[in-house]
Each structure stands twice: as structure tokens, then as C-alpha cells.
Amino acid sequence: MKNKLIRRESSVMQFESLILRLEQIRREFYRQIPDSEEIDQNTFENAINEAQTVIGVCIAQQLVDRCRREKGGRAL
């Protein structure tokens, strides 16, 4: 049981570190290139937002899967 908990915490921590890294990339981009063309900024911002959305979906799916396992596979 402890190993499963450690694995879950580890995967969540990996997702959290990815989200934090994306925020860092966003800050660095705007600090270093404040006057870049608007289309470049929009493309960059969309890519960051999409990546964060995918990460959020993965986290949510893990939570749903965990709840289903804990409820013995019954629907939530």
C-alpha cells in the first residue's frame, strides 16, 4: 500500500513541477522579449496554456482512476 501511495505522490509531484516550470518559462519569455511581435506572444501563450491544460487533464484522470479503484471499480 505504501508503494502505491509513493508512486501516486511521485507522479503528482512530477506534474506539479511541470506546471511550475511552464510558469517559469512564461515569466522568462516576457522578461527577455517584452517587445516581440504580438503573434509570437499569442502563439507562445497558447502553447503554454495548452500544455497546462493537458497536465491538468492528466491530474484529474489520475484522481478519477484512484477514486474508482478505492470504490472497487464502481461508477462515481
N, C-alpha and C. Protein backbone atom coordinates (compact mmCIF):
# COMPACT_ATOMS: atom_id res chain seq x y z
N MET A 1 0.82 -1.19 0.00
CA MET A 1 0.00 0.00 0.00
C MET A 1 0.87 1.26 0.00
N LYS A 2 1.94 1.24 0.77
CA LYS A 2 2.82 2.39 0.86
C LYS A 2 3.47 2.69 -0.49
N ASN A 3 3.84 1.63 -1.24
CA ASN A 3 4.45 1.82 -2.55
C ASN A 3 3.50 2.51 -3.52
N LYS A 4 2.21 2.14 -3.49
CA LYS A 4 1.22 2.77 -4.36
C LYS A 4 1.09 4.25 -4.02
N LEU A 5 1.07 4.57 -2.74
CA LEU A 5 0.96 5.95 -2.31
C LEU A 5 2.17 6.75 -2.76
N ILE A 6 3.34 6.18 -2.63
CA ILE A 6 4.56 6.86 -3.05
C ILE A 6 4.54 7.11 -4.55
N ARG A 7 4.10 6.12 -5.34
CA ARG A 7 4.03 6.29 -6.79
C ARG A 7 3.05 7.38 -7.17
N ARG A 8 1.87 7.42 -6.52
CA ARG A 8 0.89 8.46 -6.81
C ARG A 8 1.44 9.83 -6.46
N GLU A 9 2.04 9.95 -5.30
CA GLU A 9 2.61 11.23 -4.89
C GLU A 9 3.72 11.64 -5.85
N SER A 10 4.51 10.68 -6.29
CA SER A 10 5.60 10.97 -7.21
C SER A 10 5.07 11.50 -8.54
N SER A 11 4.03 10.87 -9.09
CA SER A 11 3.51 11.34 -10.38
C SER A 11 2.86 12.71 -10.25
N VAL A 12 2.17 12.95 -9.13
CA VAL A 12 1.57 14.27 -8.92
C VAL A 12 2.67 15.32 -8.78
N MET A 13 3.73 14.97 -8.06
CA MET A 13 4.84 15.92 -7.91
C MET A 13 5.49 16.22 -9.25
N GLN A 14 5.57 15.23 -10.13
CA GLN A 14 6.13 15.46 -11.46
C GLN A 14 5.25 16.43 -12.24
N PHE A 15 3.93 16.25 -12.17
CA PHE A 15 3.02 17.17 -12.85
C PHE A 15 3.14 18.57 -12.27
N GLU A 16 3.21 18.66 -10.95
CA GLU A 16 3.34 19.98 -10.32
C GLU A 16 4.63 20.66 -10.74
N SER A 17 5.70 19.90 -10.84
CA SER A 17 6.97 20.50 -11.25
C SER A 17 6.91 20.96 -12.71
N LEU A 18 6.17 20.23 -13.55
CA LEU A 18 5.99 20.67 -14.94
C LEU A 18 5.22 21.98 -15.01
N ILE A 19 4.17 22.09 -14.22
CA ILE A 19 3.38 23.32 -14.20
C ILE A 19 4.24 24.49 -13.73
N LEU A 20 5.01 24.28 -12.67
CA LEU A 20 5.88 25.34 -12.17
C LEU A 20 6.92 25.73 -13.21
N ARG A 21 7.45 24.75 -13.92
CA ARG A 21 8.44 25.04 -14.96
C ARG A 21 7.81 25.84 -16.10
N LEU A 22 6.59 25.52 -16.47
CA LEU A 22 5.92 26.28 -17.52
C LEU A 22 5.71 27.73 -17.09
N GLU A 23 5.36 27.95 -15.84
CA GLU A 23 5.20 29.31 -15.33
C GLU A 23 6.54 30.05 -15.37
N GLN A 24 7.61 29.35 -15.04
CA GLN A 24 8.94 29.96 -15.09
C GLN A 24 9.30 30.34 -16.53
N ILE A 25 9.02 29.46 -17.47
CA ILE A 25 9.29 29.73 -18.88
C ILE A 25 8.49 30.95 -19.33
N ARG A 26 7.23 31.03 -18.92
CA ARG A 26 6.38 32.17 -19.29
C ARG A 26 6.99 33.47 -18.76
N ARG A 27 7.39 33.48 -17.49
CA ARG A 27 7.98 34.70 -16.90
C ARG A 27 9.27 35.09 -17.62
N GLU A 28 10.12 34.09 -17.90
CA GLU A 28 11.38 34.38 -18.58
C GLU A 28 11.14 34.93 -19.99
N PHE A 29 10.17 34.37 -20.68
CA PHE A 29 9.84 34.83 -22.02
C PHE A 29 9.46 36.30 -22.01
N TYR A 30 8.54 36.67 -21.13
CA TYR A 30 8.07 38.04 -21.10
C TYR A 30 9.13 39.00 -20.55
N ARG A 31 10.03 38.51 -19.71
CA ARG A 31 11.09 39.37 -19.20
C ARG A 31 12.15 39.63 -20.28
N GLN A 32 12.45 38.62 -21.07
CA GLN A 32 13.52 38.74 -22.06
C GLN A 32 13.05 39.31 -23.40
N ILE A 33 11.78 39.09 -23.72
CA ILE A 33 11.29 39.52 -25.03
C ILE A 33 10.00 40.34 -24.85
N PRO A 34 10.08 41.47 -24.15
CA PRO A 34 8.86 42.24 -23.89
C PRO A 34 8.28 42.91 -25.13
N ASP A 35 9.09 43.11 -26.17
CA ASP A 35 8.60 43.84 -27.34
C ASP A 35 8.49 42.95 -28.58
N SER A 36 8.38 41.64 -28.39
CA SER A 36 8.25 40.76 -29.55
C SER A 36 6.89 40.98 -30.20
N GLU A 37 6.77 40.51 -31.41
CA GLU A 37 5.52 40.69 -32.14
C GLU A 37 4.37 40.02 -31.42
N GLU A 38 3.20 40.61 -31.53
CA GLU A 38 2.02 40.09 -30.83
C GLU A 38 1.69 38.66 -31.24
N ILE A 39 1.85 38.34 -32.52
CA ILE A 39 1.53 36.97 -32.96
C ILE A 39 2.45 35.96 -32.29
N ASP A 40 3.72 36.32 -32.12
CA ASP A 40 4.64 35.42 -31.44
C ASP A 40 4.24 35.22 -29.99
N GLN A 41 3.83 36.30 -29.34
CA GLN A 41 3.38 36.21 -27.95
C GLN A 41 2.12 35.36 -27.85
N ASN A 42 1.20 35.54 -28.77
CA ASN A 42 -0.04 34.75 -28.75
C ASN A 42 0.26 33.27 -28.97
N THR A 43 1.13 32.96 -29.92
CA THR A 43 1.49 31.57 -30.18
C THR A 43 2.14 30.95 -28.96
N PHE A 44 3.06 31.69 -28.34
CA PHE A 44 3.73 31.21 -27.14
C PHE A 44 2.73 31.00 -26.01
N GLU A 45 1.88 31.98 -25.77
CA GLU A 45 0.89 31.89 -24.68
C GLU A 45 -0.06 30.72 -24.91
N ASN A 46 -0.49 30.52 -26.15
CA ASN A 46 -1.37 29.39 -26.46
C ASN A 46 -0.68 28.05 -26.18
N ALA A 47 0.59 27.95 -26.53
CA ALA A 47 1.32 26.70 -26.30
C ALA A 47 1.44 26.41 -24.80
N ILE A 48 1.74 27.44 -24.01
CA ILE A 48 1.84 27.26 -22.56
C ILE A 48 0.49 26.85 -21.99
N ASN A 49 -0.56 27.54 -22.39
CA ASN A 49 -1.91 27.23 -21.89
C ASN A 49 -2.34 25.81 -22.25
N GLU A 50 -2.05 25.40 -23.48
CA GLU A 50 -2.40 24.04 -23.90
C GLU A 50 -1.65 23.00 -23.09
N ALA A 51 -0.37 23.25 -22.85
CA ALA A 51 0.43 22.31 -22.06
C ALA A 51 -0.13 22.20 -20.64
N GLN A 52 -0.48 23.33 -20.05
CA GLN A 52 -1.04 23.30 -18.70
C GLN A 52 -2.39 22.59 -18.67
N THR A 53 -3.18 22.76 -19.71
CA THR A 53 -4.47 22.08 -19.79
C THR A 53 -4.27 20.56 -19.85
N VAL A 54 -3.34 20.11 -20.67
CA VAL A 54 -3.07 18.67 -20.79
C VAL A 54 -2.60 18.11 -19.44
N ILE A 55 -1.73 18.83 -18.77
CA ILE A 55 -1.25 18.39 -17.46
C ILE A 55 -2.41 18.32 -16.48
N GLY A 56 -3.28 19.32 -16.50
CA GLY A 56 -4.45 19.32 -15.61
C GLY A 56 -5.38 18.14 -15.89
N VAL A 57 -5.58 17.82 -17.15
CA VAL A 57 -6.41 16.67 -17.52
C VAL A 57 -5.79 15.38 -16.99
N CYS A 58 -4.49 15.25 -17.09
CA CYS A 58 -3.81 14.05 -16.59
C CYS A 58 -3.98 13.93 -15.07
N ILE A 59 -3.83 15.03 -14.37
CA ILE A 59 -4.01 15.01 -12.92
C ILE A 59 -5.43 14.61 -12.57
N ALA A 60 -6.41 15.21 -13.24
CA ALA A 60 -7.80 14.89 -12.98
C ALA A 60 -8.10 13.42 -13.27
N GLN A 61 -7.56 12.90 -14.35
CA GLN A 61 -7.79 11.50 -14.69
C GLN A 61 -7.20 10.58 -13.63
N GLN A 62 -6.04 10.93 -13.12
CA GLN A 62 -5.44 10.12 -12.05
C GLN A 62 -6.32 10.12 -10.81
N LEU A 63 -6.88 11.27 -10.49
CA LEU A 63 -7.77 11.35 -9.32
C LEU A 63 -9.03 10.50 -9.52
N VAL A 64 -9.60 10.56 -10.71
CA VAL A 64 -10.80 9.76 -11.01
C VAL A 64 -10.46 8.27 -10.94
N ASP A 65 -9.34 7.89 -11.54
CA ASP A 65 -8.93 6.48 -11.51
C ASP A 65 -8.72 6.00 -10.07
N ARG A 66 -8.08 6.84 -9.27
CA ARG A 66 -7.85 6.47 -7.88
C ARG A 66 -9.16 6.29 -7.13
N CYS A 67 -10.09 7.20 -7.33
CA CYS A 67 -11.40 7.09 -6.67
C CYS A 67 -12.12 5.83 -7.10
N ARG A 68 -12.05 5.51 -8.38
CA ARG A 68 -12.71 4.29 -8.87
C ARG A 68 -12.09 3.04 -8.24
N ARG A 69 -10.77 3.02 -8.16
CA ARG A 69 -10.10 1.87 -7.54
C ARG A 69 -10.49 1.75 -6.08
N GLU A 70 -10.54 2.87 -5.39
CA GLU A 70 -10.88 2.84 -3.97
C GLU A 70 -12.33 2.44 -3.73
N LYS A 71 -13.19 2.68 -4.73
CA LYS A 71 -14.60 2.30 -4.61
C LYS A 71 -14.86 0.93 -5.22
N GLY A 72 -13.81 0.22 -5.55
CA GLY A 72 -13.96 -1.13 -6.10
C GLY A 72 -14.42 -1.16 -7.53
N GLY A 73 -14.11 -0.11 -8.30
CA GLY A 73 -14.45 -0.10 -9.71
C GLY A 73 -15.85 0.37 -10.01
N ARG A 74 -16.61 0.74 -8.99
CA ARG A 74 -17.98 1.23 -9.24
C ARG A 74 -17.93 2.63 -9.82
N ALA A 75 -18.99 2.97 -10.53
CA ALA A 75 -19.08 4.31 -11.11
C ALA A 75 -19.16 5.36 -10.01
N LEU A 76 -18.60 6.52 -10.27
CA LEU A 76 -18.63 7.59 -9.28
C LEU A 76 -19.97 8.28 -9.25
